[in-house]
Amino acid sequence: MKPNIQKSISSIGALTAVLAMSAAALAAGGAWRPDGVSQGVQVEHRDVAGSHFDELRLSTVSSLSVESLCNAIYPKALPTKLERRFKKLELLRQTDTERWTYEQISVPVVSDRDYVMHAKLEQASSTGQCAVSFETAEDASHPPAAGFVRIPVIRGHWDVFPIADGKVSVQYEIFSEPGGGVPAFLSRGSQRSAAIDFMKIILARATAPAP
């Protein structure tokens, strides 16, 4: 095959791969857009195909170790003291790398919410990085409690990894649909505040002295 023809074929293949990746990115969601900074936490948001609600991405840089941050995100045991918006946190079952919990949270203005959460430790801190995914799940033993609205969708992940100068990057992505017929334009502020609150909970857990 002539070199010029071979080069053209390679270029077409590379362009096809780029277009495929771009199409996959568009299917997953729109471009991230800045949404301000709160006490050192950078907030971004983007559209989600088929939903009126945005996905959020929160980022910060910490001087804490990957291990302490990973243990705060995916602790070996659930916290004994409820934090901020949590009204109930019940362990349903777990393995070394997966955990199912039933949770109730207080929500300003509208009815309080509940859900069953499945969290998975994708990459342990022993690898030098940490990744945790989470998503709501169905559990027949825990239907919506009286006085609570079941959140139909929560999903996202945490990524913690070392960067320059001994610092650690902490990234938290979350998408949720709150249920109960709440319009998206009314819930955006409270969803943003709740995400920032939870990022701060994790950072506080990571700095707390060991029991």
N, C-alpha and C. Protein backbone atom coordinates (compact mmCIF):
# COMPACT_ATOMS: atom_id res chain seq x y z
N MET A 1 0.85 -1.19 0.00
CA MET A 1 0.00 0.00 0.00
C MET A 1 0.89 1.24 0.00
N LYS A 2 0.55 2.25 -0.81
CA LYS A 2 1.35 3.46 -0.88
C LYS A 2 1.28 4.23 0.44
N PRO A 3 2.39 4.87 0.83
CA PRO A 3 2.44 5.58 2.12
C PRO A 3 1.34 6.63 2.27
N ASN A 4 1.05 7.40 1.18
CA ASN A 4 0.05 8.47 1.28
C ASN A 4 -1.35 7.90 1.52
N ILE A 5 -1.63 6.77 0.82
CA ILE A 5 -2.94 6.13 1.00
C ILE A 5 -3.07 5.59 2.41
N GLN A 6 -1.99 4.94 2.89
CA GLN A 6 -2.00 4.37 4.24
C GLN A 6 -2.19 5.48 5.28
N LYS A 7 -1.53 6.64 5.06
CA LYS A 7 -1.65 7.77 5.97
C LYS A 7 -3.08 8.30 5.99
N SER A 8 -3.70 8.36 4.80
CA SER A 8 -5.08 8.85 4.71
C SER A 8 -6.03 7.93 5.46
N ILE A 9 -5.81 6.61 5.29
CA ILE A 9 -6.67 5.64 5.98
C ILE A 9 -6.52 5.77 7.49
N SER A 10 -5.27 5.96 7.96
CA SER A 10 -5.03 6.12 9.39
C SER A 10 -5.71 7.37 9.91
N SER A 11 -5.65 8.46 9.11
CA SER A 11 -6.28 9.72 9.52
C SER A 11 -7.79 9.57 9.61
N ILE A 12 -8.37 8.85 8.63
CA ILE A 12 -9.82 8.62 8.67
C ILE A 12 -10.21 7.80 9.88
N GLY A 13 -9.36 6.78 10.21
CA GLY A 13 -9.64 5.96 11.39
C GLY A 13 -9.59 6.76 12.66
N ALA A 14 -8.58 7.64 12.76
CA ALA A 14 -8.46 8.49 13.96
C ALA A 14 -9.64 9.43 14.08
N LEU A 15 -10.06 10.03 12.93
CA LEU A 15 -11.20 10.95 12.95
C LEU A 15 -12.47 10.22 13.35
N THR A 16 -12.64 9.00 12.86
CA THR A 16 -13.82 8.20 13.22
C THR A 16 -13.86 7.93 14.72
N ALA A 17 -12.69 7.61 15.29
CA ALA A 17 -12.61 7.35 16.73
C ALA A 17 -12.96 8.60 17.52
N VAL A 18 -12.46 9.77 17.09
CA VAL A 18 -12.77 11.03 17.78
C VAL A 18 -14.26 11.33 17.72
N LEU A 19 -14.85 11.15 16.53
CA LEU A 19 -16.29 11.39 16.38
C LEU A 19 -17.11 10.45 17.24
N ALA A 20 -16.67 9.20 17.34
CA ALA A 20 -17.38 8.23 18.17
C ALA A 20 -17.33 8.64 19.64
N MET A 21 -16.14 9.09 20.09
CA MET A 21 -16.00 9.53 21.48
C MET A 21 -16.85 10.78 21.73
N SER A 22 -16.89 11.69 20.74
CA SER A 22 -17.70 12.90 20.90
C SER A 22 -19.18 12.57 20.99
N ALA A 23 -19.62 11.61 20.15
CA ALA A 23 -21.02 11.19 20.20
C ALA A 23 -21.36 10.56 21.54
N ALA A 24 -20.43 9.76 22.08
CA ALA A 24 -20.66 9.13 23.39
C ALA A 24 -20.75 10.18 24.48
N ALA A 25 -19.88 11.21 24.39
CA ALA A 25 -19.91 12.27 25.39
C ALA A 25 -21.21 13.05 25.34
N LEU A 26 -21.70 13.33 24.13
CA LEU A 26 -22.96 14.05 23.99
C LEU A 26 -24.12 13.23 24.51
N ALA A 27 -24.06 11.90 24.28
CA ALA A 27 -25.13 11.03 24.78
C ALA A 27 -25.15 11.01 26.29
N ALA A 28 -23.95 11.04 26.90
CA ALA A 28 -23.87 11.01 28.36
C ALA A 28 -24.35 12.31 28.98
N GLY A 29 -24.12 13.43 28.32
CA GLY A 29 -24.53 14.72 28.86
C GLY A 29 -23.86 15.84 28.11
N GLY A 30 -24.28 17.08 28.38
CA GLY A 30 -23.72 18.22 27.70
C GLY A 30 -22.39 18.62 28.29
N ALA A 31 -21.89 19.75 27.81
CA ALA A 31 -20.61 20.25 28.30
C ALA A 31 -20.77 20.82 29.71
N TRP A 32 -19.73 20.67 30.53
CA TRP A 32 -19.75 21.23 31.87
C TRP A 32 -19.68 22.75 31.79
N ARG A 33 -20.51 23.42 32.63
CA ARG A 33 -20.53 24.88 32.68
C ARG A 33 -20.27 25.33 34.12
N PRO A 34 -19.47 26.38 34.30
CA PRO A 34 -19.15 26.83 35.66
C PRO A 34 -20.39 27.31 36.41
N ASP A 35 -20.42 27.04 37.72
CA ASP A 35 -21.58 27.40 38.55
C ASP A 35 -21.11 27.96 39.89
N GLY A 36 -19.96 28.65 39.88
CA GLY A 36 -19.50 29.34 41.07
C GLY A 36 -18.57 28.51 41.94
N VAL A 37 -18.07 29.16 42.99
CA VAL A 37 -17.16 28.54 43.95
C VAL A 37 -17.70 28.81 45.35
N SER A 38 -17.73 27.78 46.20
CA SER A 38 -18.20 27.91 47.57
C SER A 38 -17.14 27.38 48.53
N GLN A 39 -16.51 28.26 49.27
CA GLN A 39 -15.50 27.88 50.26
C GLN A 39 -14.47 26.90 49.69
N GLY A 40 -13.93 27.26 48.55
CA GLY A 40 -12.89 26.44 47.94
C GLY A 40 -13.39 25.27 47.12
N VAL A 41 -14.69 25.09 47.03
CA VAL A 41 -15.27 24.01 46.23
C VAL A 41 -15.80 24.60 44.92
N GLN A 42 -15.24 24.16 43.81
CA GLN A 42 -15.68 24.62 42.51
C GLN A 42 -16.89 23.79 42.07
N VAL A 43 -17.93 24.46 41.60
CA VAL A 43 -19.16 23.79 41.19
C VAL A 43 -19.36 23.98 39.68
N GLU A 44 -19.72 22.89 39.01
CA GLU A 44 -20.07 22.94 37.59
C GLU A 44 -21.38 22.17 37.40
N HIS A 45 -22.05 22.45 36.30
CA HIS A 45 -23.27 21.69 36.00
C HIS A 45 -23.38 21.46 34.51
N ARG A 46 -24.16 20.46 34.13
CA ARG A 46 -24.38 20.19 32.71
C ARG A 46 -25.73 19.54 32.51
N ASP A 47 -26.22 19.61 31.28
CA ASP A 47 -27.51 19.01 30.93
C ASP A 47 -27.38 17.49 30.91
N VAL A 48 -28.51 16.84 31.17
CA VAL A 48 -28.59 15.38 31.09
C VAL A 48 -29.68 15.03 30.09
N ALA A 49 -29.34 14.23 29.10
CA ALA A 49 -30.30 13.86 28.06
C ALA A 49 -31.55 13.24 28.67
N GLY A 50 -32.71 13.76 28.26
CA GLY A 50 -33.98 13.19 28.71
C GLY A 50 -34.45 13.67 30.06
N SER A 51 -33.73 14.62 30.67
CA SER A 51 -34.12 15.10 32.01
C SER A 51 -34.12 16.63 32.04
N HIS A 52 -34.97 17.18 32.90
CA HIS A 52 -34.99 18.63 33.12
C HIS A 52 -34.02 19.03 34.22
N PHE A 53 -33.40 18.05 34.87
CA PHE A 53 -32.50 18.32 35.98
C PHE A 53 -31.05 18.22 35.53
N ASP A 54 -30.19 19.00 36.17
CA ASP A 54 -28.77 19.04 35.80
C ASP A 54 -27.97 18.03 36.60
N GLU A 55 -26.85 17.63 36.02
CA GLU A 55 -25.83 16.87 36.75
C GLU A 55 -24.83 17.88 37.31
N LEU A 56 -24.34 17.63 38.51
CA LEU A 56 -23.40 18.53 39.16
C LEU A 56 -22.04 17.87 39.30
N ARG A 57 -21.00 18.68 39.19
CA ARG A 57 -19.64 18.22 39.47
C ARG A 57 -18.98 19.21 40.43
N LEU A 58 -18.52 18.70 41.55
CA LEU A 58 -17.85 19.51 42.55
C LEU A 58 -16.39 19.08 42.64
N SER A 59 -15.49 20.05 42.69
CA SER A 59 -14.06 19.75 42.73
C SER A 59 -13.38 20.61 43.78
N THR A 60 -12.42 20.01 44.46
CA THR A 60 -11.60 20.76 45.39
C THR A 60 -10.23 20.10 45.48
N VAL A 61 -9.29 20.81 46.09
CA VAL A 61 -7.95 20.29 46.31
C VAL A 61 -7.71 20.21 47.81
N SER A 62 -7.20 19.08 48.27
CA SER A 62 -7.02 18.85 49.70
C SER A 62 -5.57 18.51 50.02
N SER A 63 -5.18 18.82 51.25
CA SER A 63 -3.86 18.42 51.75
C SER A 63 -3.92 17.08 52.46
N LEU A 64 -5.12 16.51 52.59
CA LEU A 64 -5.30 15.23 53.25
C LEU A 64 -4.83 14.09 52.34
N SER A 65 -4.62 12.93 52.93
CA SER A 65 -4.16 11.78 52.15
C SER A 65 -5.31 11.15 51.38
N VAL A 66 -4.95 10.44 50.31
CA VAL A 66 -5.94 9.69 49.54
C VAL A 66 -6.65 8.69 50.46
N GLU A 67 -5.90 8.05 51.34
CA GLU A 67 -6.47 7.04 52.23
C GLU A 67 -7.53 7.64 53.16
N SER A 68 -7.23 8.78 53.79
CA SER A 68 -8.19 9.37 54.72
C SER A 68 -9.44 9.85 53.99
N LEU A 69 -9.28 10.37 52.80
CA LEU A 69 -10.43 10.82 52.02
C LEU A 69 -11.27 9.64 51.54
N CYS A 70 -10.59 8.57 51.11
CA CYS A 70 -11.31 7.38 50.65
C CYS A 70 -12.09 6.75 51.80
N ASN A 71 -11.48 6.71 52.98
CA ASN A 71 -12.17 6.16 54.15
C ASN A 71 -13.36 7.01 54.55
N ALA A 72 -13.30 8.32 54.27
CA ALA A 72 -14.43 9.19 54.57
C ALA A 72 -15.58 8.97 53.59
N ILE A 73 -15.23 8.74 52.33
CA ILE A 73 -16.25 8.52 51.30
C ILE A 73 -16.87 7.13 51.44
N TYR A 74 -16.03 6.14 51.66
CA TYR A 74 -16.50 4.76 51.81
C TYR A 74 -15.93 4.19 53.11
N PRO A 75 -16.53 4.59 54.26
CA PRO A 75 -15.99 4.15 55.55
C PRO A 75 -16.22 2.66 55.77
N LYS A 76 -15.38 2.08 56.61
CA LYS A 76 -15.52 0.66 56.92
C LYS A 76 -16.80 0.40 57.71
N ALA A 77 -17.23 1.40 58.46
CA ALA A 77 -18.50 1.30 59.21
C ALA A 77 -19.24 2.62 59.03
N LEU A 78 -20.57 2.56 59.02
CA LEU A 78 -21.36 3.77 58.86
C LEU A 78 -21.18 4.69 60.07
N PRO A 79 -21.27 6.01 59.86
CA PRO A 79 -21.16 6.94 60.99
C PRO A 79 -22.22 6.66 62.05
N THR A 80 -21.85 6.74 63.31
CA THR A 80 -22.80 6.50 64.39
C THR A 80 -23.65 7.73 64.68
N LYS A 81 -23.16 8.89 64.24
CA LYS A 81 -23.89 10.14 64.45
C LYS A 81 -24.39 10.66 63.10
N LEU A 82 -25.69 10.97 63.03
CA LEU A 82 -26.26 11.47 61.78
C LEU A 82 -25.72 12.87 61.48
N GLU A 83 -25.42 13.12 60.21
CA GLU A 83 -24.79 14.36 59.80
C GLU A 83 -25.76 15.23 59.00
N ARG A 84 -25.83 16.49 59.36
CA ARG A 84 -26.60 17.51 58.66
C ARG A 84 -27.98 17.06 58.23
N ARG A 85 -28.19 16.85 56.94
CA ARG A 85 -29.54 16.62 56.42
C ARG A 85 -30.05 15.20 56.66
N PHE A 86 -29.21 14.32 57.12
CA PHE A 86 -29.64 12.93 57.31
C PHE A 86 -30.55 12.79 58.52
N LYS A 87 -31.68 12.09 58.33
CA LYS A 87 -32.59 11.79 59.43
C LYS A 87 -32.50 10.32 59.83
N LYS A 88 -32.08 9.48 58.88
CA LYS A 88 -31.92 8.05 59.16
C LYS A 88 -30.91 7.48 58.19
N LEU A 89 -30.08 6.57 58.68
CA LEU A 89 -29.08 5.89 57.86
C LEU A 89 -28.96 4.47 58.37
N GLU A 90 -29.51 3.54 57.61
CA GLU A 90 -29.60 2.14 58.05
C GLU A 90 -28.85 1.22 57.08
N LEU A 91 -27.96 0.43 57.62
CA LEU A 91 -27.24 -0.55 56.81
C LEU A 91 -28.15 -1.73 56.51
N LEU A 92 -28.29 -2.07 55.23
CA LEU A 92 -29.10 -3.21 54.83
C LEU A 92 -28.23 -4.47 54.63
N ARG A 93 -27.16 -4.33 53.88
CA ARG A 93 -26.22 -5.44 53.68
C ARG A 93 -24.95 -4.87 53.08
N GLN A 94 -23.87 -5.65 53.17
CA GLN A 94 -22.62 -5.17 52.60
C GLN A 94 -21.65 -6.31 52.34
N THR A 95 -20.69 -6.04 51.47
CA THR A 95 -19.55 -6.92 51.23
C THR A 95 -18.30 -6.06 51.47
N ASP A 96 -17.14 -6.57 51.09
CA ASP A 96 -15.92 -5.78 51.26
C ASP A 96 -15.92 -4.53 50.39
N THR A 97 -16.60 -4.59 49.25
CA THR A 97 -16.54 -3.47 48.31
C THR A 97 -17.91 -2.91 47.90
N GLU A 98 -18.99 -3.43 48.47
CA GLU A 98 -20.32 -2.93 48.14
C GLU A 98 -21.16 -2.78 49.40
N ARG A 99 -22.07 -1.80 49.36
CA ARG A 99 -22.91 -1.54 50.53
C ARG A 99 -24.27 -1.03 50.07
N TRP A 100 -25.33 -1.54 50.72
CA TRP A 100 -26.69 -1.07 50.46
C TRP A 100 -27.22 -0.45 51.75
N THR A 101 -27.75 0.76 51.66
CA THR A 101 -28.27 1.46 52.83
C THR A 101 -29.65 2.04 52.53
N TYR A 102 -30.44 2.17 53.59
CA TYR A 102 -31.70 2.90 53.50
C TYR A 102 -31.49 4.25 54.17
N GLU A 103 -31.85 5.33 53.47
CA GLU A 103 -31.56 6.67 53.97
C GLU A 103 -32.79 7.58 53.91
N GLN A 104 -32.90 8.43 54.91
CA GLN A 104 -33.92 9.48 54.94
C GLN A 104 -33.21 10.81 55.11
N ILE A 105 -33.64 11.81 54.32
CA ILE A 105 -33.01 13.13 54.41
C ILE A 105 -34.07 14.21 54.53
N SER A 106 -33.74 15.27 55.23
CA SER A 106 -34.62 16.43 55.33
C SER A 106 -34.37 17.34 54.14
N VAL A 107 -35.44 17.91 53.61
CA VAL A 107 -35.36 18.78 52.44
C VAL A 107 -36.12 20.07 52.75
N PRO A 108 -35.50 21.23 52.53
CA PRO A 108 -36.18 22.49 52.81
C PRO A 108 -37.44 22.66 51.97
N VAL A 109 -38.48 23.24 52.57
CA VAL A 109 -39.74 23.64 51.92
C VAL A 109 -40.63 22.46 51.57
N VAL A 110 -40.12 21.47 50.80
CA VAL A 110 -40.95 20.35 50.35
C VAL A 110 -40.82 19.17 51.31
N SER A 111 -41.54 18.08 51.00
CA SER A 111 -41.52 16.89 51.86
C SER A 111 -40.14 16.26 51.93
N ASP A 112 -39.82 15.66 53.08
CA ASP A 112 -38.56 14.95 53.22
C ASP A 112 -38.53 13.75 52.28
N ARG A 113 -37.33 13.28 51.95
CA ARG A 113 -37.15 12.23 50.97
C ARG A 113 -36.51 10.99 51.58
N ASP A 114 -36.74 9.84 50.91
CA ASP A 114 -36.04 8.61 51.29
C ASP A 114 -35.65 7.84 50.04
N TYR A 115 -34.76 6.87 50.21
CA TYR A 115 -34.26 6.08 49.09
C TYR A 115 -33.39 4.95 49.62
N VAL A 116 -33.16 3.97 48.77
CA VAL A 116 -32.19 2.90 49.04
C VAL A 116 -30.99 3.15 48.15
N MET A 117 -29.80 3.17 48.75
CA MET A 117 -28.59 3.50 48.01
C MET A 117 -27.65 2.31 47.93
N HIS A 118 -27.10 2.11 46.74
CA HIS A 118 -26.08 1.08 46.51
C HIS A 118 -24.77 1.80 46.20
N ALA A 119 -23.76 1.64 47.05
CA ALA A 119 -22.44 2.24 46.84
C ALA A 119 -21.42 1.14 46.59
N LYS A 120 -20.46 1.44 45.73
CA LYS A 120 -19.46 0.43 45.38
C LYS A 120 -18.07 1.06 45.37
N LEU A 121 -17.14 0.44 46.07
CA LEU A 121 -15.75 0.86 46.06
C LEU A 121 -15.10 0.31 44.79
N GLU A 122 -14.90 1.17 43.80
CA GLU A 122 -14.36 0.73 42.51
C GLU A 122 -12.84 0.63 42.54
N GLN A 123 -12.21 1.52 43.30
CA GLN A 123 -10.75 1.54 43.36
C GLN A 123 -10.34 1.94 44.76
N ALA A 124 -9.66 1.04 45.48
CA ALA A 124 -9.28 1.29 46.86
C ALA A 124 -8.06 2.19 46.95
N SER A 125 -7.89 2.84 48.10
CA SER A 125 -6.78 3.78 48.28
C SER A 125 -5.42 3.08 48.21
N SER A 126 -5.40 1.77 48.42
CA SER A 126 -4.14 1.03 48.35
C SER A 126 -3.52 1.08 46.94
N THR A 127 -4.33 1.45 45.94
CA THR A 127 -3.83 1.58 44.57
C THR A 127 -3.21 2.95 44.33
N GLY A 128 -3.32 3.85 45.30
CA GLY A 128 -2.81 5.20 45.14
C GLY A 128 -3.87 6.19 44.71
N GLN A 129 -5.04 5.67 44.35
CA GLN A 129 -6.18 6.50 43.99
C GLN A 129 -7.42 5.91 44.65
N CYS A 130 -8.55 6.57 44.50
CA CYS A 130 -9.79 6.05 45.07
C CYS A 130 -10.95 6.42 44.16
N ALA A 131 -11.83 5.47 43.91
CA ALA A 131 -13.03 5.72 43.11
C ALA A 131 -14.20 4.99 43.74
N VAL A 132 -15.30 5.71 43.93
CA VAL A 132 -16.51 5.14 44.52
C VAL A 132 -17.70 5.56 43.67
N SER A 133 -18.52 4.60 43.26
CA SER A 133 -19.74 4.90 42.52
C SER A 133 -20.94 4.65 43.42
N PHE A 134 -22.05 5.31 43.12
CA PHE A 134 -23.28 5.12 43.91
C PHE A 134 -24.50 5.31 43.02
N GLU A 135 -25.57 4.60 43.36
CA GLU A 135 -26.81 4.69 42.59
C GLU A 135 -27.96 4.14 43.43
N THR A 136 -29.12 4.77 43.30
CA THR A 136 -30.29 4.28 44.02
C THR A 136 -30.68 2.90 43.49
N ALA A 137 -31.30 2.11 44.37
CA ALA A 137 -31.68 0.74 44.03
C ALA A 137 -33.08 0.44 44.56
N GLU A 138 -33.68 -0.59 44.03
CA GLU A 138 -34.98 -1.05 44.50
C GLU A 138 -34.78 -2.08 45.62
N ASP A 139 -35.61 -1.99 46.65
CA ASP A 139 -35.56 -2.95 47.74
C ASP A 139 -36.97 -3.11 48.29
N ALA A 140 -37.57 -4.28 48.04
CA ALA A 140 -38.96 -4.50 48.43
C ALA A 140 -39.17 -4.39 49.93
N SER A 141 -38.13 -4.63 50.71
CA SER A 141 -38.27 -4.56 52.17
C SER A 141 -38.29 -3.13 52.69
N HIS A 142 -37.99 -2.16 51.82
CA HIS A 142 -37.98 -0.76 52.23
C HIS A 142 -38.73 0.10 51.21
N PRO A 143 -40.06 -0.01 51.20
CA PRO A 143 -40.86 0.88 50.35
C PRO A 143 -40.82 2.30 50.93
N PRO A 144 -41.34 3.31 50.20
CA PRO A 144 -41.35 4.67 50.73
C PRO A 144 -42.04 4.73 52.09
N ALA A 145 -41.42 5.40 53.05
CA ALA A 145 -41.99 5.52 54.39
C ALA A 145 -43.09 6.58 54.39
N ALA A 146 -44.04 6.42 55.29
CA ALA A 146 -45.12 7.40 55.42
C ALA A 146 -44.54 8.77 55.72
N GLY A 147 -45.02 9.78 54.99
CA GLY A 147 -44.54 11.13 55.20
C GLY A 147 -43.29 11.48 54.40
N PHE A 148 -42.76 10.51 53.64
CA PHE A 148 -41.58 10.74 52.82
C PHE A 148 -41.91 10.52 51.35
N VAL A 149 -41.20 11.22 50.49
CA VAL A 149 -41.31 11.02 49.04
C VAL A 149 -40.07 10.26 48.58
N ARG A 150 -40.27 9.18 47.85
CA ARG A 150 -39.16 8.37 47.36
C ARG A 150 -38.45 9.09 46.20
N ILE A 151 -37.15 9.27 46.33
CA ILE A 151 -36.35 9.83 45.24
C ILE A 151 -36.16 8.74 44.18
N PRO A 152 -36.59 8.99 42.94
CA PRO A 152 -36.50 7.93 41.93
C PRO A 152 -35.09 7.67 41.41
N VAL A 153 -34.27 8.72 41.33
CA VAL A 153 -32.93 8.55 40.74
C VAL A 153 -31.89 9.39 41.48
N ILE A 154 -30.86 8.73 41.96
CA ILE A 154 -29.62 9.39 42.36
C ILE A 154 -28.50 8.52 41.82
N ARG A 155 -27.54 9.14 41.18
CA ARG A 155 -26.37 8.37 40.72
C ARG A 155 -25.17 9.30 40.59
N GLY A 156 -24.00 8.71 40.71
CA GLY A 156 -22.79 9.53 40.58
C GLY A 156 -21.56 8.77 41.02
N HIS A 157 -20.49 9.52 41.23
CA HIS A 157 -19.25 8.86 41.68
C HIS A 157 -18.29 9.88 42.28
N TRP A 158 -17.35 9.36 43.03
CA TRP A 158 -16.24 10.11 43.61
C TRP A 158 -14.95 9.66 42.97
N ASP A 159 -14.05 10.61 42.73
CA ASP A 159 -12.71 10.28 42.26
C ASP A 159 -11.71 11.08 43.08
N VAL A 160 -10.76 10.38 43.67
CA VAL A 160 -9.73 11.01 44.51
C VAL A 160 -8.37 10.54 43.99
N PHE A 161 -7.48 11.49 43.69
CA PHE A 161 -6.19 11.10 43.14
C PHE A 161 -5.15 12.18 43.43
N PRO A 162 -3.89 11.78 43.57
CA PRO A 162 -2.82 12.74 43.88
C PRO A 162 -2.51 13.63 42.69
N ILE A 163 -2.15 14.89 42.99
CA ILE A 163 -1.71 15.82 41.96
C ILE A 163 -0.37 16.41 42.42
N ALA A 164 0.00 17.54 41.88
CA ALA A 164 1.32 18.11 42.16
C ALA A 164 1.43 18.62 43.60
N ASP A 165 2.69 18.72 44.05
CA ASP A 165 3.02 19.34 45.35
C ASP A 165 2.37 18.63 46.54
N GLY A 166 2.16 17.34 46.44
CA GLY A 166 1.61 16.57 47.54
C GLY A 166 0.14 16.79 47.80
N LYS A 167 -0.54 17.48 46.91
CA LYS A 167 -1.96 17.74 47.07
C LYS A 167 -2.78 16.59 46.46
N VAL A 168 -4.07 16.59 46.81
CA VAL A 168 -4.97 15.54 46.33
C VAL A 168 -6.21 16.20 45.73
N SER A 169 -6.58 15.76 44.54
CA SER A 169 -7.80 16.24 43.89
C SER A 169 -8.99 15.41 44.35
N VAL A 170 -10.08 16.08 44.70
CA VAL A 170 -11.31 15.41 45.11
C VAL A 170 -12.43 15.86 44.17
N GLN A 171 -13.02 14.94 43.44
CA GLN A 171 -14.09 15.26 42.51
C GLN A 171 -15.33 14.43 42.85
N TYR A 172 -16.47 15.12 42.84
CA TYR A 172 -17.75 14.50 43.22
C TYR A 172 -18.76 14.86 42.15
N GLU A 173 -19.30 13.85 41.47
CA GLU A 173 -20.34 14.07 40.47
C GLU A 173 -21.63 13.43 40.94
N ILE A 174 -22.74 14.15 40.74
CA ILE A 174 -24.03 13.62 41.18
C ILE A 174 -25.15 14.12 40.28
N PHE A 175 -26.04 13.20 39.96
CA PHE A 175 -27.28 13.54 39.24
C PHE A 175 -28.44 12.96 40.04
N SER A 176 -29.49 13.75 40.22
CA SER A 176 -30.66 13.24 40.94
C SER A 176 -31.93 13.88 40.41
N GLU A 177 -33.00 13.12 40.47
CA GLU A 177 -34.33 13.64 40.22
C GLU A 177 -35.11 13.49 41.52
N PRO A 178 -35.56 14.59 42.12
CA PRO A 178 -36.06 14.55 43.49
C PRO A 178 -37.43 13.90 43.69
N GLY A 179 -38.20 13.72 42.62
CA GLY A 179 -39.53 13.14 42.77
C GLY A 179 -40.51 14.13 43.36
N GLY A 180 -41.77 13.70 43.46
CA GLY A 180 -42.79 14.55 44.07
C GLY A 180 -43.26 15.69 43.21
N GLY A 181 -42.92 15.68 41.93
CA GLY A 181 -43.41 16.71 41.01
C GLY A 181 -42.79 18.08 41.22
N VAL A 182 -41.61 18.14 41.84
CA VAL A 182 -40.94 19.43 42.05
C VAL A 182 -40.34 19.90 40.73
N PRO A 183 -40.69 21.13 40.27
CA PRO A 183 -40.11 21.63 39.01
C PRO A 183 -38.61 21.79 39.11
N ALA A 184 -37.92 21.56 38.02
CA ALA A 184 -36.46 21.62 38.02
C ALA A 184 -35.96 23.00 38.43
N PHE A 185 -36.63 24.07 37.96
CA PHE A 185 -36.13 25.41 38.25
C PHE A 185 -36.23 25.75 39.73
N LEU A 186 -37.12 25.07 40.46
CA LEU A 186 -37.25 25.31 41.90
C LEU A 186 -36.25 24.48 42.71
N SER A 187 -35.80 23.38 42.15
CA SER A 187 -34.94 22.47 42.92
C SER A 187 -33.45 22.70 42.69
N ARG A 188 -33.07 23.47 41.66
CA ARG A 188 -31.66 23.60 41.31
C ARG A 188 -30.84 24.15 42.48
N GLY A 189 -31.36 25.19 43.13
CA GLY A 189 -30.62 25.79 44.24
C GLY A 189 -30.43 24.83 45.40
N SER A 190 -31.50 24.09 45.75
CA SER A 190 -31.40 23.18 46.88
C SER A 190 -30.52 21.98 46.54
N GLN A 191 -30.55 21.51 45.29
CA GLN A 191 -29.68 20.40 44.90
C GLN A 191 -28.21 20.83 44.96
N ARG A 192 -27.94 22.04 44.52
CA ARG A 192 -26.57 22.56 44.57
C ARG A 192 -26.10 22.67 46.02
N SER A 193 -26.96 23.21 46.88
CA SER A 193 -26.60 23.36 48.30
C SER A 193 -26.38 22.01 48.96
N ALA A 194 -27.24 21.03 48.63
CA ALA A 194 -27.11 19.70 49.22
C ALA A 194 -25.79 19.04 48.79
N ALA A 195 -25.40 19.21 47.52
CA ALA A 195 -24.16 18.62 47.03
C ALA A 195 -22.95 19.25 47.73
N ILE A 196 -22.98 20.57 47.89
CA ILE A 196 -21.89 21.25 48.59
C ILE A 196 -21.83 20.80 50.05
N ASP A 197 -22.99 20.68 50.68
CA ASP A 197 -23.05 20.21 52.07
C ASP A 197 -22.40 18.84 52.20
N PHE A 198 -22.70 17.94 51.25
CA PHE A 198 -22.16 16.59 51.37
C PHE A 198 -20.66 16.56 51.11
N MET A 199 -20.19 17.39 50.19
CA MET A 199 -18.74 17.49 50.00
C MET A 199 -18.08 17.93 51.31
N LYS A 200 -18.68 18.88 52.00
CA LYS A 200 -18.12 19.36 53.27
C LYS A 200 -18.20 18.29 54.36
N ILE A 201 -19.25 17.48 54.33
CA ILE A 201 -19.36 16.37 55.28
C ILE A 201 -18.18 15.41 55.09
N ILE A 202 -17.88 15.08 53.83
CA ILE A 202 -16.78 14.16 53.54
C ILE A 202 -15.46 14.75 54.00
N LEU A 203 -15.23 16.02 53.71
CA LEU A 203 -13.97 16.65 54.13
C LEU A 203 -13.86 16.69 55.65
N ALA A 204 -15.00 16.91 56.33
CA ALA A 204 -14.98 16.93 57.80
C ALA A 204 -14.71 15.53 58.35
N ARG A 205 -15.30 14.51 57.75
CA ARG A 205 -15.03 13.14 58.17
C ARG A 205 -13.55 12.81 58.04
N ALA A 206 -12.96 13.26 56.93
CA ALA A 206 -11.56 12.93 56.66
C ALA A 206 -10.60 13.61 57.63
N THR A 207 -11.00 14.74 58.19
CA THR A 207 -10.14 15.48 59.11
C THR A 207 -10.41 15.11 60.58
N ALA A 208 -11.50 14.38 60.82
CA ALA A 208 -11.84 14.00 62.20
C ALA A 208 -10.84 13.00 62.73
N PRO A 209 -10.48 13.11 64.03
CA PRO A 209 -9.54 12.14 64.62
C PRO A 209 -10.15 10.75 64.65
N ALA A 210 -9.33 9.75 64.53
CA ALA A 210 -9.81 8.37 64.57
C ALA A 210 -10.40 8.07 65.94
N PRO A 211 -11.54 7.34 65.99
CA PRO A 211 -12.18 7.02 67.27
C PRO A 211 -11.33 6.08 68.11
